[in-house]
Amino acid sequence: MENFVIEPTKSSPAILFDGTTGILDIAGESYPENSYEFYKPILHWLSRFCNNFREAIVFNCRISYLNTGSTKSMMDILDLFEERHSKGLAVCVNWYCDSDNDRAIETAEEFKEDVTFPFKIKSLEE
């Protein structure tokens, strides 16, 4: 499947999803004016990808800030991964946080509680 790439802006993260390797990277801050519109094509691509890609998916997330709308969209992404996992297909999330940012760690822990697939919370320094 083709790669999916979005360049970062001041208010939206960089997206680099490799359709060949299954390595999906997202990094930066996420507070676009309209989170739904920003994440809509991402969710569309991921839905197709999760349904067609049979190898393991690794999602590396280095988001330093998520607004409320972005948090909802991130949960939608995790729901796609949960559906994939329930079908016996491998997925793993590596969620990187600044070890000094208690709110970011708390957000990651809340996401982790809502899923059953491997979800690792790591320090940005790793």
N, C-alpha and C. Protein backbone atom coordinates (compact mmCIF):
# COMPACT_ATOMS: atom_id res chain seq x y z
N MET A 1 0.85 -1.18 0.00
CA MET A 1 0.00 0.00 0.00
C MET A 1 0.89 1.24 0.00
N GLU A 2 0.40 2.32 -0.54
CA GLU A 2 1.18 3.55 -0.61
C GLU A 2 1.43 4.13 0.79
N ASN A 3 2.48 4.93 0.90
CA ASN A 3 2.76 5.63 2.15
C ASN A 3 1.77 6.77 2.32
N PHE A 4 1.64 7.21 3.57
CA PHE A 4 0.78 8.36 3.87
C PHE A 4 1.64 9.35 4.65
N VAL A 5 1.78 10.56 4.11
CA VAL A 5 2.67 11.56 4.70
C VAL A 5 1.95 12.90 4.80
N ILE A 6 2.06 13.54 5.96
CA ILE A 6 1.61 14.91 6.16
C ILE A 6 2.75 15.66 6.84
N GLU A 7 3.13 16.77 6.27
CA GLU A 7 4.18 17.60 6.86
C GLU A 7 3.62 18.31 8.10
N PRO A 8 4.46 18.53 9.11
CA PRO A 8 3.98 19.19 10.32
C PRO A 8 3.75 20.68 10.10
N THR A 9 2.88 21.23 10.94
CA THR A 9 2.71 22.68 11.02
C THR A 9 2.86 23.05 12.49
N LYS A 10 2.67 24.31 12.79
CA LYS A 10 2.76 24.75 14.18
C LYS A 10 1.72 24.03 15.06
N SER A 11 0.55 23.75 14.46
CA SER A 11 -0.54 23.19 15.25
C SER A 11 -0.91 21.75 14.90
N SER A 12 -0.18 21.15 13.97
CA SER A 12 -0.51 19.76 13.60
C SER A 12 0.76 18.93 13.46
N PRO A 13 0.66 17.65 13.80
CA PRO A 13 1.84 16.79 13.83
C PRO A 13 2.29 16.31 12.46
N ALA A 14 3.52 15.86 12.41
CA ALA A 14 4.04 15.16 11.23
C ALA A 14 3.47 13.75 11.24
N ILE A 15 3.09 13.29 10.06
CA ILE A 15 2.56 11.94 9.90
C ILE A 15 3.42 11.24 8.86
N LEU A 16 3.95 10.09 9.22
CA LEU A 16 4.69 9.27 8.26
C LEU A 16 4.29 7.81 8.49
N PHE A 17 3.39 7.34 7.66
CA PHE A 17 2.92 5.97 7.75
C PHE A 17 3.50 5.22 6.56
N ASP A 18 4.31 4.22 6.85
CA ASP A 18 4.95 3.44 5.79
C ASP A 18 4.07 2.25 5.44
N GLY A 19 3.49 2.28 4.27
CA GLY A 19 2.58 1.24 3.83
C GLY A 19 3.24 -0.09 3.51
N THR A 20 4.57 -0.11 3.46
CA THR A 20 5.30 -1.34 3.17
C THR A 20 5.76 -2.05 4.44
N THR A 21 6.29 -1.27 5.40
CA THR A 21 6.84 -1.87 6.62
C THR A 21 5.83 -1.98 7.75
N GLY A 22 4.77 -1.18 7.72
CA GLY A 22 3.81 -1.18 8.82
C GLY A 22 4.26 -0.32 9.98
N ILE A 23 5.28 0.50 9.77
CA ILE A 23 5.74 1.41 10.83
C ILE A 23 5.03 2.75 10.61
N LEU A 24 4.30 3.15 11.62
CA LEU A 24 3.50 4.36 11.56
C LEU A 24 4.02 5.35 12.60
N ASP A 25 4.46 6.51 12.15
CA ASP A 25 5.03 7.52 13.05
C ASP A 25 4.18 8.79 13.02
N ILE A 26 3.96 9.33 14.21
CA ILE A 26 3.28 10.61 14.34
C ILE A 26 4.03 11.39 15.41
N ALA A 27 4.33 12.67 15.13
CA ALA A 27 5.15 13.44 16.07
C ALA A 27 4.82 14.92 15.98
N GLY A 28 4.83 15.57 17.13
CA GLY A 28 4.61 17.02 17.19
C GLY A 28 3.49 17.36 18.14
N GLU A 29 2.91 18.52 17.95
CA GLU A 29 1.76 18.95 18.73
C GLU A 29 0.52 18.82 17.87
N SER A 30 -0.62 18.57 18.52
CA SER A 30 -1.85 18.38 17.77
C SER A 30 -2.96 19.23 18.36
N TYR A 31 -3.12 20.41 17.79
CA TYR A 31 -4.24 21.27 18.15
C TYR A 31 -4.74 22.03 16.92
N PRO A 32 -5.02 21.29 15.82
CA PRO A 32 -5.51 21.96 14.62
C PRO A 32 -6.86 22.63 14.90
N GLU A 33 -7.17 23.64 14.11
CA GLU A 33 -8.43 24.36 14.29
C GLU A 33 -9.62 23.43 14.22
N ASN A 34 -9.57 22.46 13.30
CA ASN A 34 -10.64 21.48 13.16
C ASN A 34 -10.01 20.08 13.17
N SER A 35 -9.95 19.50 14.34
CA SER A 35 -9.31 18.18 14.49
C SER A 35 -9.98 17.12 13.64
N TYR A 36 -11.30 17.18 13.57
CA TYR A 36 -12.02 16.18 12.78
C TYR A 36 -11.56 16.20 11.33
N GLU A 37 -11.48 17.39 10.74
CA GLU A 37 -11.06 17.50 9.33
C GLU A 37 -9.60 17.10 9.15
N PHE A 38 -8.75 17.43 10.12
CA PHE A 38 -7.34 17.05 10.02
C PHE A 38 -7.18 15.53 10.06
N TYR A 39 -7.86 14.88 11.00
CA TYR A 39 -7.68 13.44 11.19
C TYR A 39 -8.53 12.58 10.25
N LYS A 40 -9.52 13.16 9.59
CA LYS A 40 -10.40 12.38 8.71
C LYS A 40 -9.62 11.59 7.65
N PRO A 41 -8.72 12.21 6.86
CA PRO A 41 -7.98 11.41 5.87
C PRO A 41 -7.02 10.40 6.50
N ILE A 42 -6.52 10.71 7.69
CA ILE A 42 -5.63 9.79 8.41
C ILE A 42 -6.42 8.54 8.79
N LEU A 43 -7.60 8.75 9.37
CA LEU A 43 -8.44 7.62 9.77
C LEU A 43 -8.88 6.81 8.56
N HIS A 44 -9.18 7.47 7.46
CA HIS A 44 -9.57 6.76 6.24
C HIS A 44 -8.43 5.86 5.76
N TRP A 45 -7.22 6.42 5.69
CA TRP A 45 -6.06 5.64 5.24
C TRP A 45 -5.80 4.48 6.20
N LEU A 46 -5.84 4.77 7.51
CA LEU A 46 -5.57 3.72 8.50
C LEU A 46 -6.60 2.60 8.45
N SER A 47 -7.85 2.95 8.24
CA SER A 47 -8.89 1.93 8.16
C SER A 47 -8.61 0.97 7.00
N ARG A 48 -8.30 1.51 5.84
CA ARG A 48 -7.95 0.67 4.69
C ARG A 48 -6.69 -0.15 4.98
N PHE A 49 -5.71 0.50 5.58
CA PHE A 49 -4.44 -0.16 5.87
C PHE A 49 -4.64 -1.32 6.85
N CYS A 50 -5.35 -1.06 7.93
CA CYS A 50 -5.57 -2.10 8.94
C CYS A 50 -6.33 -3.30 8.37
N ASN A 51 -7.20 -3.05 7.41
CA ASN A 51 -7.97 -4.14 6.80
C ASN A 51 -7.17 -4.95 5.79
N ASN A 52 -6.13 -4.36 5.22
CA ASN A 52 -5.39 -5.02 4.14
C ASN A 52 -3.99 -5.50 4.51
N PHE A 53 -3.38 -4.89 5.51
CA PHE A 53 -2.00 -5.21 5.87
C PHE A 53 -2.00 -6.37 6.85
N ARG A 54 -1.31 -7.44 6.56
CA ARG A 54 -1.35 -8.64 7.39
C ARG A 54 -0.15 -8.80 8.32
N GLU A 55 0.86 -7.99 8.13
CA GLU A 55 2.04 -8.06 9.00
C GLU A 55 1.80 -7.21 10.25
N ALA A 56 2.76 -7.22 11.17
CA ALA A 56 2.65 -6.44 12.40
C ALA A 56 2.69 -4.94 12.10
N ILE A 57 1.87 -4.20 12.83
CA ILE A 57 1.88 -2.74 12.76
C ILE A 57 2.52 -2.21 14.03
N VAL A 58 3.44 -1.26 13.87
CA VAL A 58 4.06 -0.58 15.00
C VAL A 58 3.72 0.90 14.87
N PHE A 59 3.04 1.44 15.87
CA PHE A 59 2.62 2.84 15.89
C PHE A 59 3.48 3.58 16.91
N ASN A 60 4.35 4.47 16.42
CA ASN A 60 5.22 5.26 17.29
C ASN A 60 4.63 6.66 17.40
N CYS A 61 4.22 7.02 18.60
CA CYS A 61 3.57 8.30 18.82
C CYS A 61 4.44 9.18 19.72
N ARG A 62 4.80 10.34 19.17
CA ARG A 62 5.59 11.32 19.92
C ARG A 62 4.84 12.65 19.92
N ILE A 63 3.63 12.62 20.41
CA ILE A 63 2.80 13.82 20.47
C ILE A 63 3.02 14.48 21.83
N SER A 64 3.47 15.71 21.81
CA SER A 64 3.74 16.41 23.06
C SER A 64 2.51 17.09 23.63
N TYR A 65 1.51 17.36 22.78
CA TYR A 65 0.28 18.00 23.25
C TYR A 65 -0.87 17.60 22.34
N LEU A 66 -2.00 17.22 22.95
CA LEU A 66 -3.23 16.90 22.23
C LEU A 66 -4.36 17.77 22.78
N ASN A 67 -5.08 18.49 21.92
CA ASN A 67 -6.26 19.19 22.41
C ASN A 67 -7.40 18.18 22.50
N THR A 68 -8.57 18.63 22.94
CA THR A 68 -9.69 17.71 23.16
C THR A 68 -10.10 17.00 21.88
N GLY A 69 -10.21 17.74 20.78
CA GLY A 69 -10.60 17.13 19.50
C GLY A 69 -9.58 16.11 19.03
N SER A 70 -8.31 16.42 19.21
CA SER A 70 -7.25 15.48 18.81
C SER A 70 -7.25 14.24 19.68
N THR A 71 -7.58 14.40 20.95
CA THR A 71 -7.67 13.26 21.86
C THR A 71 -8.75 12.30 21.37
N LYS A 72 -9.89 12.83 20.96
CA LYS A 72 -10.97 12.00 20.42
C LYS A 72 -10.51 11.27 19.16
N SER A 73 -9.83 11.99 18.28
CA SER A 73 -9.34 11.36 17.05
C SER A 73 -8.29 10.29 17.34
N MET A 74 -7.45 10.52 18.33
CA MET A 74 -6.46 9.52 18.71
C MET A 74 -7.16 8.26 19.24
N MET A 75 -8.23 8.46 19.99
CA MET A 75 -8.99 7.30 20.47
C MET A 75 -9.60 6.54 19.30
N ASP A 76 -10.03 7.26 18.27
CA ASP A 76 -10.54 6.60 17.07
C ASP A 76 -9.45 5.75 16.40
N ILE A 77 -8.23 6.26 16.37
CA ILE A 77 -7.10 5.51 15.82
C ILE A 77 -6.87 4.24 16.64
N LEU A 78 -6.86 4.40 17.95
CA LEU A 78 -6.64 3.24 18.83
C LEU A 78 -7.77 2.23 18.69
N ASP A 79 -9.00 2.71 18.44
CA ASP A 79 -10.12 1.79 18.21
C ASP A 79 -9.90 0.95 16.95
N LEU A 80 -9.34 1.56 15.90
CA LEU A 80 -9.01 0.79 14.69
C LEU A 80 -7.99 -0.30 15.01
N PHE A 81 -7.00 0.05 15.83
CA PHE A 81 -5.99 -0.94 16.22
C PHE A 81 -6.60 -2.03 17.09
N GLU A 82 -7.53 -1.65 17.96
CA GLU A 82 -8.20 -2.64 18.82
C GLU A 82 -9.00 -3.63 17.97
N GLU A 83 -9.70 -3.12 16.98
CA GLU A 83 -10.46 -3.99 16.08
C GLU A 83 -9.52 -4.95 15.35
N ARG A 84 -8.40 -4.44 14.89
CA ARG A 84 -7.40 -5.27 14.21
C ARG A 84 -6.88 -6.36 15.17
N HIS A 85 -6.55 -5.96 16.39
CA HIS A 85 -6.04 -6.89 17.40
C HIS A 85 -7.06 -7.99 17.70
N SER A 86 -8.34 -7.61 17.74
CA SER A 86 -9.39 -8.59 18.04
C SER A 86 -9.51 -9.66 16.95
N LYS A 87 -8.99 -9.36 15.76
CA LYS A 87 -8.99 -10.32 14.65
C LYS A 87 -7.72 -11.17 14.63
N GLY A 88 -6.87 -11.00 15.65
CA GLY A 88 -5.65 -11.78 15.74
C GLY A 88 -4.48 -11.21 14.96
N LEU A 89 -4.59 -9.96 14.52
CA LEU A 89 -3.51 -9.32 13.76
C LEU A 89 -2.69 -8.44 14.70
N ALA A 90 -1.38 -8.49 14.54
CA ALA A 90 -0.47 -7.84 15.48
C ALA A 90 -0.44 -6.33 15.33
N VAL A 91 -0.46 -5.67 16.48
CA VAL A 91 -0.29 -4.21 16.55
C VAL A 91 0.37 -3.89 17.88
N CYS A 92 1.24 -2.90 17.86
CA CYS A 92 1.92 -2.46 19.08
C CYS A 92 2.03 -0.94 19.02
N VAL A 93 1.76 -0.29 20.13
CA VAL A 93 1.91 1.16 20.23
C VAL A 93 3.09 1.47 21.15
N ASN A 94 3.97 2.33 20.67
CA ASN A 94 5.04 2.91 21.49
C ASN A 94 4.70 4.39 21.66
N TRP A 95 4.31 4.75 22.87
CA TRP A 95 3.88 6.13 23.15
C TRP A 95 4.99 6.81 23.93
N TYR A 96 5.60 7.80 23.31
CA TYR A 96 6.74 8.50 23.91
C TYR A 96 6.28 9.77 24.60
N CYS A 97 6.73 9.95 25.86
CA CYS A 97 6.36 11.12 26.65
C CYS A 97 7.60 11.75 27.25
N ASP A 98 7.52 13.05 27.46
CA ASP A 98 8.53 13.75 28.23
C ASP A 98 8.36 13.31 29.68
N SER A 99 9.39 12.76 30.27
CA SER A 99 9.29 12.22 31.64
C SER A 99 8.96 13.30 32.67
N ASP A 100 9.11 14.57 32.31
CA ASP A 100 8.77 15.67 33.22
C ASP A 100 7.34 16.18 33.02
N ASN A 101 6.63 15.64 32.05
CA ASN A 101 5.29 16.13 31.73
C ASN A 101 4.25 15.15 32.28
N ASP A 102 3.80 15.43 33.51
CA ASP A 102 2.86 14.54 34.17
C ASP A 102 1.55 14.39 33.40
N ARG A 103 1.08 15.48 32.78
CA ARG A 103 -0.19 15.42 32.04
C ARG A 103 -0.06 14.49 30.82
N ALA A 104 1.06 14.57 30.12
CA ALA A 104 1.27 13.71 28.95
C ALA A 104 1.33 12.24 29.36
N ILE A 105 2.00 11.97 30.47
CA ILE A 105 2.09 10.59 30.97
C ILE A 105 0.70 10.09 31.38
N GLU A 106 -0.06 10.94 32.05
CA GLU A 106 -1.41 10.58 32.47
C GLU A 106 -2.31 10.28 31.26
N THR A 107 -2.19 11.10 30.22
CA THR A 107 -2.97 10.87 29.00
C THR A 107 -2.60 9.52 28.39
N ALA A 108 -1.32 9.23 28.30
CA ALA A 108 -0.86 7.95 27.75
C ALA A 108 -1.39 6.78 28.58
N GLU A 109 -1.36 6.92 29.89
CA GLU A 109 -1.86 5.86 30.77
C GLU A 109 -3.36 5.64 30.58
N GLU A 110 -4.11 6.73 30.37
CA GLU A 110 -5.54 6.60 30.12
C GLU A 110 -5.80 5.86 28.81
N PHE A 111 -5.05 6.19 27.77
CA PHE A 111 -5.19 5.47 26.50
C PHE A 111 -4.86 3.99 26.70
N LYS A 112 -3.78 3.71 27.41
CA LYS A 112 -3.34 2.33 27.62
C LYS A 112 -4.40 1.50 28.32
N GLU A 113 -5.12 2.11 29.27
CA GLU A 113 -6.16 1.40 30.01
C GLU A 113 -7.32 0.98 29.12
N ASP A 114 -7.50 1.68 28.00
CA ASP A 114 -8.65 1.43 27.13
C ASP A 114 -8.40 0.39 26.04
N VAL A 115 -7.19 -0.17 25.97
CA VAL A 115 -6.87 -1.11 24.90
C VAL A 115 -6.36 -2.43 25.47
N THR A 116 -6.41 -3.47 24.64
CA THR A 116 -5.91 -4.78 25.09
C THR A 116 -4.65 -5.20 24.35
N PHE A 117 -4.25 -4.46 23.33
CA PHE A 117 -3.03 -4.79 22.59
C PHE A 117 -1.81 -4.19 23.29
N PRO A 118 -0.61 -4.62 22.93
CA PRO A 118 0.61 -4.08 23.57
C PRO A 118 0.71 -2.56 23.38
N PHE A 119 0.86 -1.86 24.49
CA PHE A 119 0.93 -0.40 24.50
C PHE A 119 2.02 -0.03 25.50
N LYS A 120 3.14 0.43 24.97
CA LYS A 120 4.30 0.74 25.81
C LYS A 120 4.44 2.25 25.95
N ILE A 121 4.56 2.71 27.19
CA ILE A 121 4.82 4.12 27.45
C ILE A 121 6.31 4.26 27.69
N LYS A 122 6.94 5.10 26.87
CA LYS A 122 8.39 5.24 26.92
C LYS A 122 8.77 6.70 27.09
N SER A 123 9.98 6.90 27.59
CA SER A 123 10.52 8.25 27.72
C SER A 123 10.97 8.74 26.35
N LEU A 124 10.81 10.02 26.08
CA LEU A 124 11.28 10.60 24.82
C LEU A 124 12.76 10.36 24.60
N GLU A 125 13.50 10.17 25.68
CA GLU A 125 14.94 9.96 25.59
C GLU A 125 15.29 8.58 25.04
N GLU A 126 14.32 7.66 25.02
CA GLU A 126 14.59 6.29 24.53
C GLU A 126 14.72 6.26 23.03
